[in-house]
Structures are given as structure tokens and as C-alpha cells.
Amino acid sequence: MVTGSIETPRGGRYAKQLAGHWREKASVTEGSDGSVAFEMENGARVRLTPTAAGLRVEASSIEFGEVVRRHLERFGTRESLVLVWQQ
């Protein structure tokens, strides 16, 4: 499991946008706290949780995390989103 975060006031918006984008490719579960979890057919998983300061990302592997990072950063190009992985 790898974790990271993105600083943005619109974390919930980006979580929902990725959910819409992957709805056909993954099992998507939305939590009452605004979190969104995805599970791909190959078992790769990610949970996006909006926070007051941004968006927390928890991915099942760094490889899948990088796929998520590229999508989120592309969605947030205007805002110059950057996903920072924790060591």
C-alpha cells in the first residue's frame, strides 16, 4: 500500500471525476465521507479521500498509484495538481 496527497480545495471534485471516468472499468464504491474506492478486475485498488487541505490517495501498489497520479494531474492541469507520495 502506498499513500500520497494532493493539495487542492477541490479534492472531492477530482475524486468524483475519476470515479466517473473509471466507472466502466472498475468497481466503484462511494463512501458517506466523500471518499471513493475503485477496484480493477486485476485486483488493483485505490481509495481517494477528500480532506480539508486536499485529497488523500491510497493505492494497492506504486505502479497503480502512478496510473492514478497521471489521471489526477491531467484532470487538474489548470490547477497544476501534483500528487506527492509519502516515504
PDB file of N, CA and C in Angstrom:
ATOM      1  N   MET A   1       0.857  -1.175   0.000  1.00  0.00           N
ATOM      2  CA  MET A   1       0.000   0.000   0.000  1.00  0.00           C
ATOM      3  C   MET A   1       0.902   1.236   0.000  1.00  0.00           C
ATOM      4  N   VAL A   2       0.599   2.175  -0.880  1.00  0.00           N
ATOM      5  CA  VAL A   2       1.300   3.457  -0.918  1.00  0.00           C
ATOM      6  C   VAL A   2       0.283   4.561  -0.686  1.00  0.00           C
ATOM      7  N   THR A   3       0.725   5.625  -0.043  1.00  0.00           N
ATOM      8  CA  THR A   3      -0.166   6.751   0.229  1.00  0.00           C
ATOM      9  C   THR A   3       0.481   8.038  -0.241  1.00  0.00           C
ATOM     10  N   GLY A   4      -0.379   8.966  -0.586  1.00  0.00           N
ATOM     11  CA  GLY A   4       0.081  10.266  -1.030  1.00  0.00           C
ATOM     12  C   GLY A   4      -1.022  11.291  -0.871  1.00  0.00           C
ATOM     13  N   SER A   5      -0.706  12.523  -1.225  1.00  0.00           N
ATOM     14  CA  SER A   5      -1.710  13.583  -1.103  1.00  0.00           C
ATOM     15  C   SER A   5      -1.512  14.642  -2.176  1.00  0.00           C
ATOM     16  N   ILE A   6      -2.609  15.332  -2.432  1.00  0.00           N
ATOM     17  CA  ILE A   6      -2.636  16.447  -3.371  1.00  0.00           C
ATOM     18  C   ILE A   6      -3.232  17.632  -2.633  1.00  0.00           C
ATOM     19  N   GLU A   7      -2.585  18.756  -2.704  1.00  0.00           N
ATOM     20  CA  GLU A   7      -3.143  19.969  -2.110  1.00  0.00           C
ATOM     21  C   GLU A   7      -4.078  20.622  -3.118  1.00  0.00           C
ATOM     22  N   THR A   8      -5.352  20.732  -2.737  1.00  0.00           N
ATOM     23  CA  THR A   8      -6.358  21.367  -3.579  1.00  0.00           C
ATOM     24  C   THR A   8      -7.612  21.609  -2.753  1.00  0.00           C
ATOM     25  N   PRO A   9      -8.295  22.700  -2.979  1.00  0.00           N
ATOM     26  CA  PRO A   9      -9.571  22.905  -2.286  1.00  0.00           C
ATOM     27  C   PRO A   9     -10.711  22.097  -2.916  1.00  0.00           C
ATOM     28  N   ARG A  10     -10.431  21.393  -4.019  1.00  0.00           N
ATOM     29  CA  ARG A  10     -11.463  20.653  -4.745  1.00  0.00           C
ATOM     30  C   ARG A  10     -11.187  19.143  -4.787  1.00  0.00           C
ATOM     31  N   GLY A  11     -10.718  18.581  -3.688  1.00  0.00           N
ATOM     32  CA  GLY A  11     -10.406  17.160  -3.647  1.00  0.00           C
ATOM     33  C   GLY A  11     -11.602  16.281  -3.972  1.00  0.00           C
ATOM     34  N   GLY A  12     -12.769  16.629  -3.432  1.00  0.00           N
ATOM     35  CA  GLY A  12     -13.978  15.853  -3.697  1.00  0.00           C
ATOM     36  C   GLY A  12     -14.350  15.857  -5.165  1.00  0.00           C
ATOM     37  N   ARG A  13     -14.166  16.971  -5.804  1.00  0.00           N
ATOM     38  CA  ARG A  13     -14.485  17.094  -7.234  1.00  0.00           C
ATOM     39  C   ARG A  13     -13.614  16.155  -8.070  1.00  0.00           C
ATOM     40  N   TYR A  14     -12.316  16.119  -7.758  1.00  0.00           N
ATOM     41  CA  TYR A  14     -11.420  15.257  -8.520  1.00  0.00           C
ATOM     42  C   TYR A  14     -11.683  13.776  -8.247  1.00  0.00           C
ATOM     43  N   ALA A  15     -12.048  13.440  -7.023  1.00  0.00           N
ATOM     44  CA  ALA A  15     -12.394  12.052  -6.698  1.00  0.00           C
ATOM     45  C   ALA A  15     -13.614  11.619  -7.515  1.00  0.00           C
ATOM     46  N   LYS A  16     -14.624  12.465  -7.570  1.00  0.00           N
ATOM     47  CA  LYS A  16     -15.831  12.141  -8.342  1.00  0.00           C
ATOM     48  C   LYS A  16     -15.544  12.084  -9.842  1.00  0.00           C
ATOM     49  N   GLN A  17     -14.671  12.958 -10.317  1.00  0.00           N
ATOM     50  CA  GLN A  17     -14.327  12.963 -11.735  1.00  0.00           C
ATOM     51  C   GLN A  17     -13.641  11.654 -12.126  1.00  0.00           C
ATOM     52  N   LEU A  18     -12.712  11.192 -11.296  1.00  0.00           N
ATOM     53  CA  LEU A  18     -12.047   9.929 -11.591  1.00  0.00           C
ATOM     54  C   LEU A  18     -13.028   8.762 -11.487  1.00  0.00           C
ATOM     55  N   ALA A  19     -13.959   8.842 -10.551  1.00  0.00           N
ATOM     56  CA  ALA A  19     -14.991   7.799 -10.427  1.00  0.00           C
ATOM     57  C   ALA A  19     -15.809   7.711 -11.712  1.00  0.00           C
ATOM     58  N   GLY A  20     -16.208   8.840 -12.244  1.00  0.00           N
ATOM     59  CA  GLY A  20     -16.967   8.844 -13.490  1.00  0.00           C
ATOM     60  C   GLY A  20     -16.160   8.305 -14.650  1.00  0.00           C
ATOM     61  N   HIS A  21     -14.886   8.636 -14.663  1.00  0.00           N
ATOM     62  CA  HIS A  21     -14.001   8.208 -15.750  1.00  0.00           C
ATOM     63  C   HIS A  21     -13.801   6.694 -15.738  1.00  0.00           C
ATOM     64  N   TRP A  22     -13.695   6.092 -14.547  1.00  0.00           N
ATOM     65  CA  TRP A  22     -13.394   4.668 -14.434  1.00  0.00           C
ATOM     66  C   TRP A  22     -14.603   3.793 -14.148  1.00  0.00           C
ATOM     67  N   ARG A  23     -15.779   4.364 -14.103  1.00  0.00           N
ATOM     68  CA  ARG A  23     -16.967   3.593 -13.727  1.00  0.00           C
ATOM     69  C   ARG A  23     -17.158   2.340 -14.601  1.00  0.00           C
ATOM     70  N   GLU A  24     -16.797   2.400 -15.861  1.00  0.00           N
ATOM     71  CA  GLU A  24     -16.960   1.253 -16.761  1.00  0.00           C
ATOM     72  C   GLU A  24     -15.834   0.231 -16.612  1.00  0.00           C
ATOM     73  N   LYS A  25     -14.689   0.654 -16.050  1.00  0.00           N
ATOM     74  CA  LYS A  25     -13.521  -0.210 -15.973  1.00  0.00           C
ATOM     75  C   LYS A  25     -13.299  -0.814 -14.594  1.00  0.00           C
ATOM     76  N   ALA A  26     -13.991  -0.309 -13.587  1.00  0.00           N
ATOM     77  CA  ALA A  26     -13.717  -0.723 -12.216  1.00  0.00           C
ATOM     78  C   ALA A  26     -15.000  -0.781 -11.407  1.00  0.00           C
ATOM     79  N   SER A  27     -14.919  -1.487 -10.301  1.00  0.00           N
ATOM     80  CA  SER A  27     -15.994  -1.470  -9.317  1.00  0.00           C
ATOM     81  C   SER A  27     -15.767  -0.215  -8.476  1.00  0.00           C
ATOM     82  N   VAL A  28     -16.733   0.686  -8.451  1.00  0.00           N
ATOM     83  CA  VAL A  28     -16.598   1.964  -7.761  1.00  0.00           C
ATOM     84  C   VAL A  28     -17.547   1.998  -6.575  1.00  0.00           C
ATOM     85  N   THR A  29     -17.003   2.357  -5.410  1.00  0.00           N
ATOM     86  CA  THR A  29     -17.804   2.487  -4.193  1.00  0.00           C
ATOM     87  C   THR A  29     -17.599   3.882  -3.631  1.00  0.00           C
ATOM     88  N   GLU A  30     -18.699   4.591  -3.400  1.00  0.00           N
ATOM     89  CA  GLU A  30     -18.618   5.925  -2.807  1.00  0.00           C
ATOM     90  C   GLU A  30     -19.012   5.847  -1.344  1.00  0.00           C
ATOM     91  N   GLY A  31     -18.172   6.415  -0.467  1.00  0.00           N
ATOM     92  CA  GLY A  31     -18.425   6.415   0.966  1.00  0.00           C
ATOM     93  C   GLY A  31     -19.212   7.632   1.404  1.00  0.00           C
ATOM     94  N   SER A  32     -19.826   7.544   2.573  1.00  0.00           N
ATOM     95  CA  SER A  32     -20.605   8.660   3.103  1.00  0.00           C
ATOM     96  C   SER A  32     -19.714   9.851   3.471  1.00  0.00           C
ATOM     97  N   ASP A  33     -18.415   9.615   3.625  1.00  0.00           N
ATOM     98  CA  ASP A  33     -17.472  10.690   3.959  1.00  0.00           C
ATOM     99  C   ASP A  33     -16.935  11.392   2.719  1.00  0.00           C
ATOM    100  N   GLY A  34     -17.462  11.053   1.543  1.00  0.00           N
ATOM    101  CA  GLY A  34     -16.999  11.651   0.297  1.00  0.00           C
ATOM    102  C   GLY A  34     -15.878  10.871  -0.368  1.00  0.00           C
ATOM    103  N   SER A  35     -15.420   9.806   0.282  1.00  0.00           N
ATOM    104  CA  SER A  35     -14.349   9.001  -0.308  1.00  0.00           C
ATOM    105  C   SER A  35     -14.891   8.172  -1.471  1.00  0.00           C
ATOM    106  N   VAL A  36     -13.979   7.792  -2.341  1.00  0.00           N
ATOM    107  CA  VAL A  36     -14.312   6.955  -3.485  1.00  0.00           C
ATOM    108  C   VAL A  36     -13.264   5.853  -3.548  1.00  0.00           C
ATOM    109  N   ALA A  37     -13.715   4.600  -3.659  1.00  0.00           N
ATOM    110  CA  ALA A  37     -12.804   3.461  -3.770  1.00  0.00           C
ATOM    111  C   ALA A  37     -13.044   2.775  -5.107  1.00  0.00           C
ATOM    112  N   PHE A  38     -11.948   2.330  -5.733  1.00  0.00           N
ATOM    113  CA  PHE A  38     -12.011   1.646  -7.012  1.00  0.00           C
ATOM    114  C   PHE A  38     -11.305   0.309  -6.867  1.00  0.00           C
ATOM    115  N   GLU A  39     -11.854  -0.712  -7.486  1.00  0.00           N
ATOM    116  CA  GLU A  39     -11.144  -1.980  -7.596  1.00  0.00           C
ATOM    117  C   GLU A  39     -11.238  -2.418  -9.047  1.00  0.00           C
ATOM    118  N   MET A  40     -10.067  -2.608  -9.653  1.00  0.00           N
ATOM    119  CA  MET A  40      -9.995  -3.022 -11.042  1.00  0.00           C
ATOM    120  C   MET A  40     -10.129  -4.537 -11.113  1.00  0.00           C
ATOM    121  N   GLU A  41     -10.408  -5.075 -12.292  1.00  0.00           N
ATOM    122  CA  GLU A  41     -10.552  -6.517 -12.471  1.00  0.00           C
ATOM    123  C   GLU A  41      -9.285  -7.282 -12.098  1.00  0.00           C
ATOM    124  N   ASN A  42      -8.123  -6.664 -12.252  1.00  0.00           N
ATOM    125  CA  ASN A  42      -6.858  -7.330 -11.929  1.00  0.00           C
ATOM    126  C   ASN A  42      -6.517  -7.270 -10.438  1.00  0.00           C
ATOM    127  N   GLY A  43      -7.410  -6.679  -9.626  1.00  0.00           N
ATOM    128  CA  GLY A  43      -7.197  -6.599  -8.184  1.00  0.00           C
ATOM    129  C   GLY A  43      -6.557  -5.311  -7.708  1.00  0.00           C
ATOM    130  N   ALA A  44      -6.111  -4.449  -8.607  1.00  0.00           N
ATOM    131  CA  ALA A  44      -5.544  -3.163  -8.205  1.00  0.00           C
ATOM    132  C   ALA A  44      -6.639  -2.310  -7.559  1.00  0.00           C
ATOM    133  N   ARG A  45      -6.278  -1.642  -6.450  1.00  0.00           N
ATOM    134  CA  ARG A  45      -7.265  -0.853  -5.706  1.00  0.00           C
ATOM    135  C   ARG A  45      -6.713   0.526  -5.372  1.00  0.00           C
ATOM    136  N   VAL A  46      -7.634   1.472  -5.231  1.00  0.00           N
ATOM    137  CA  VAL A  46      -7.267   2.808  -4.758  1.00  0.00           C
ATOM    138  C   VAL A  46      -8.447   3.396  -4.001  1.00  0.00           C
ATOM    139  N   ARG A  47      -8.141   4.189  -2.982  1.00  0.00           N
ATOM    140  CA  ARG A  47      -9.162   4.943  -2.247  1.00  0.00           C
ATOM    141  C   ARG A  47      -8.734   6.406  -2.270  1.00  0.00           C
ATOM    142  N   LEU A  48      -9.652   7.280  -2.675  1.00  0.00           N
ATOM    143  CA  LEU A  48      -9.440   8.722  -2.691  1.00  0.00           C
ATOM    144  C   LEU A  48     -10.328   9.324  -1.608  1.00  0.00           C
ATOM    145  N   THR A  49      -9.717  10.054  -0.687  1.00  0.00           N
ATOM    146  CA  THR A  49     -10.468  10.640   0.411  1.00  0.00           C
ATOM    147  C   THR A  49     -10.244  12.141   0.451  1.00  0.00           C
ATOM    148  N   PRO A  50     -11.290  12.932   0.192  1.00  0.00           N
ATOM    149  CA  PRO A  50     -11.154  14.383   0.288  1.00  0.00           C
ATOM    150  C   PRO A  50     -10.887  14.794   1.736  1.00  0.00           C
ATOM    151  N   THR A  51     -10.016  15.769   1.915  1.00  0.00           N
ATOM    152  CA  THR A  51      -9.715  16.325   3.229  1.00  0.00           C
ATOM    153  C   THR A  51      -9.878  17.836   3.152  1.00  0.00           C
ATOM    154  N   ALA A  52      -9.744  18.502   4.280  1.00  0.00           N
ATOM    155  CA  ALA A  52      -9.852  19.964   4.294  1.00  0.00           C
ATOM    156  C   ALA A  52      -8.766  20.609   3.427  1.00  0.00           C
ATOM    157  N   ALA A  53      -7.597  19.961   3.339  1.00  0.00           N
ATOM    158  CA  ALA A  53      -6.476  20.533   2.600  1.00  0.00           C
ATOM    159  C   ALA A  53      -6.309  19.964   1.200  1.00  0.00           C
ATOM    160  N   GLY A  54      -7.039  18.904   0.863  1.00  0.00           N
ATOM    161  CA  GLY A  54      -6.842  18.337  -0.457  1.00  0.00           C
ATOM    162  C   GLY A  54      -7.459  16.971  -0.646  1.00  0.00           C
ATOM    163  N   LEU A  55      -6.641  16.052  -1.147  1.00  0.00           N
ATOM    164  CA  LEU A  55      -7.114  14.715  -1.481  1.00  0.00           C
ATOM    165  C   LEU A  55      -6.055  13.705  -1.054  1.00  0.00           C
ATOM    166  N   ARG A  56      -6.460  12.739  -0.243  1.00  0.00           N
ATOM    167  CA  ARG A  56      -5.563  11.661   0.195  1.00  0.00           C
ATOM    168  C   ARG A  56      -5.759  10.481  -0.759  1.00  0.00           C
ATOM    169  N   VAL A  57      -4.648   9.898  -1.198  1.00  0.00           N
ATOM    170  CA  VAL A  57      -4.673   8.792  -2.150  1.00  0.00           C
ATOM    171  C   VAL A  57      -3.999   7.587  -1.508  1.00  0.00           C
ATOM    172  N   GLU A  58      -4.687   6.447  -1.495  1.00  0.00           N
ATOM    173  CA  GLU A  58      -4.127   5.192  -1.002  1.00  0.00           C
ATOM    174  C   GLU A  58      -4.274   4.162  -2.119  1.00  0.00           C
ATOM    175  N   ALA A  59      -3.152   3.685  -2.636  1.00  0.00           N
ATOM    176  CA  ALA A  59      -3.171   2.739  -3.753  1.00  0.00           C
ATOM    177  C   ALA A  59      -2.547   1.414  -3.334  1.00  0.00           C
ATOM    178  N   SER A  60      -3.006   0.339  -3.959  1.00  0.00           N
ATOM    179  CA  SER A  60      -2.529  -1.002  -3.615  1.00  0.00           C
ATOM    180  C   SER A  60      -1.082  -1.243  -4.031  1.00  0.00           C
ATOM    181  N   SER A  61      -0.582  -0.480  -4.989  1.00  0.00           N
ATOM    182  CA  SER A  61       0.815  -0.612  -5.428  1.00  0.00           C
ATOM    183  C   SER A  61       1.282   0.717  -6.002  1.00  0.00           C
ATOM    184  N   ILE A  62       2.589   0.891  -6.035  1.00  0.00           N
ATOM    185  CA  ILE A  62       3.124   2.128  -6.612  1.00  0.00           C
ATOM    186  C   ILE A  62       2.818   2.195  -8.105  1.00  0.00           C
ATOM    187  N   GLU A  63       2.798   1.046  -8.775  1.00  0.00           N
ATOM    188  CA  GLU A  63       2.513   1.044 -10.217  1.00  0.00           C
ATOM    189  C   GLU A  63       1.105   1.555 -10.496  1.00  0.00           C
ATOM    190  N   PHE A  64       0.126   1.045  -9.751  1.00  0.00           N
ATOM    191  CA  PHE A  64      -1.246   1.518  -9.952  1.00  0.00           C
ATOM    192  C   PHE A  64      -1.387   2.951  -9.445  1.00  0.00           C
ATOM    193  N   GLY A  65      -0.676   3.271  -8.378  1.00  0.00           N
ATOM    194  CA  GLY A  65      -0.684   4.644  -7.874  1.00  0.00           C
ATOM    195  C   GLY A  65      -0.222   5.640  -8.924  1.00  0.00           C
ATOM    196  N   GLU A  66       0.751   5.238  -9.711  1.00  0.00           N
ATOM    197  CA  GLU A  66       1.250   6.120 -10.771  1.00  0.00           C
ATOM    198  C   GLU A  66       0.210   6.320 -11.866  1.00  0.00           C
ATOM    199  N   VAL A  67      -0.576   5.294 -12.149  1.00  0.00           N
ATOM    200  CA  VAL A  67      -1.676   5.440 -13.118  1.00  0.00           C
ATOM    201  C   VAL A  67      -2.677   6.463 -12.583  1.00  0.00           C
ATOM    202  N   VAL A  68      -3.018   6.341 -11.313  1.00  0.00           N
ATOM    203  CA  VAL A  68      -3.947   7.280 -10.669  1.00  0.00           C
ATOM    204  C   VAL A  68      -3.360   8.693 -10.693  1.00  0.00           C
ATOM    205  N   ARG A  69      -2.068   8.812 -10.355  1.00  0.00           N
ATOM    206  CA  ARG A  69      -1.399  10.125 -10.344  1.00  0.00           C
ATOM    207  C   ARG A  69      -1.503  10.802 -11.705  1.00  0.00           C
ATOM    208  N   ARG A  70      -1.193  10.062 -12.763  1.00  0.00           N
ATOM    209  CA  ARG A  70      -1.239  10.658 -14.107  1.00  0.00           C
ATOM    210  C   ARG A  70      -2.640  11.151 -14.446  1.00  0.00           C
ATOM    211  N   HIS A  71      -3.665  10.373 -14.103  1.00  0.00           N
ATOM    212  CA  HIS A  71      -5.038  10.795 -14.375  1.00  0.00           C
ATOM    213  C   HIS A  71      -5.393  12.055 -13.585  1.00  0.00           C
ATOM    214  N   LEU A  72      -5.120  12.053 -12.282  1.00  0.00           N
ATOM    215  CA  LEU A  72      -5.484  13.209 -11.458  1.00  0.00           C
ATOM    216  C   LEU A  72      -4.735  14.460 -11.897  1.00  0.00           C
ATOM    217  N   GLU A  73      -3.456  14.342 -12.182  1.00  0.00           N
ATOM    218  CA  GLU A  73      -2.684  15.510 -12.608  1.00  0.00           C
ATOM    219  C   GLU A  73      -3.162  16.016 -13.962  1.00  0.00           C
ATOM    220  N   ARG A  74      -3.591  15.131 -14.835  1.00  0.00           N
ATOM    221  CA  ARG A  74      -4.140  15.560 -16.125  1.00  0.00           C
ATOM    222  C   ARG A  74      -5.474  16.276 -15.920  1.00  0.00           C
ATOM    223  N   PHE A  75      -6.340  15.719 -15.040  1.00  0.00           N
ATOM    224  CA  PHE A  75      -7.623  16.375 -14.753  1.00  0.00           C
ATOM    225  C   PHE A  75      -7.406  17.763 -14.143  1.00  0.00           C
ATOM    226  N   GLY A  76      -6.351  17.907 -13.347  1.00  0.00           N
ATOM    227  CA  GLY A  76      -6.097  19.170 -12.651  1.00  0.00           C
ATOM    228  C   GLY A  76      -5.025  20.016 -13.281  1.00  0.00           C
ATOM    229  N   THR A  77      -4.876  19.943 -14.586  1.00  0.00           N
ATOM    230  CA  THR A  77      -3.831  20.696 -15.283  1.00  0.00           C
ATOM    231  C   THR A  77      -3.928  22.194 -15.000  1.00  0.00           C
ATOM    232  N   ARG A  78      -5.106  22.740 -15.051  1.00  0.00           N
ATOM    233  CA  ARG A  78      -5.270  24.191 -14.821  1.00  0.00           C
ATOM    234  C   ARG A  78      -4.852  24.590 -13.413  1.00  0.00           C
ATOM    235  N   GLU A  79      -5.029  23.670 -12.480  1.00  0.00           N
ATOM    236  CA  GLU A  79      -4.703  23.952 -11.079  1.00  0.00           C
ATOM    237  C   GLU A  79      -3.269  23.507 -10.749  1.00  0.00           C
ATOM    238  N   SER A  80      -2.583  22.907 -11.717  1.00  0.00           N
ATOM    239  CA  SER A  80      -1.223  22.386 -11.531  1.00  0.00           C
ATOM    240  C   SER A  80      -1.143  21.403 -10.371  1.00  0.00           C
ATOM    241  N   LEU A  81      -2.084  20.441 -10.357  1.00  0.00           N
ATOM    242  CA  LEU A  81      -2.090  19.433  -9.303  1.00  0.00           C
ATOM    243  C   LEU A  81      -0.820  18.601  -9.334  1.00  0.00           C
ATOM    244  N   VAL A  82      -0.328  18.263  -8.153  1.00  0.00           N
ATOM    245  CA  VAL A  82       0.828  17.399  -8.020  1.00  0.00           C
ATOM    246  C   VAL A  82       0.555  16.425  -6.889  1.00  0.00           C
ATOM    247  N   LEU A  83       0.629  15.138  -7.199  1.00  0.00           N
ATOM    248  CA  LEU A  83       0.467  14.100  -6.182  1.00  0.00           C
ATOM    249  C   LEU A  83       1.830  13.806  -5.605  1.00  0.00           C
ATOM    250  N   VAL A  84       1.955  13.966  -4.281  1.00  0.00           N
ATOM    251  CA  VAL A  84       3.213  13.724  -3.582  1.00  0.00           C
ATOM    252  C   VAL A  84       3.081  12.432  -2.789  1.00  0.00           C
ATOM    253  N   TRP A  85       3.921  11.436  -3.103  1.00  0.00           N
ATOM    254  CA  TRP A  85       3.906  10.170  -2.393  1.00  0.00           C
ATOM    255  C   TRP A  85       4.674  10.295  -1.086  1.00  0.00           C
ATOM    256  N   GLN A  86       4.171   9.676  -0.048  1.00  0.00           N
ATOM    257  CA  GLN A  86       4.851   9.661   1.248  1.00  0.00           C
ATOM    258  C   GLN A  86       5.849   8.525   1.277  1.00  0.00           C
ATOM    259  N   GLN A  87       6.960   8.738   1.918  1.00  0.00           N
ATOM    260  CA  GLN A  87       8.026   7.708   2.028  1.00  0.00           C
ATOM    261  C   GLN A  87       7.674   6.719   3.120  1.00  0.00           C
TER     262      GLN A  87
END
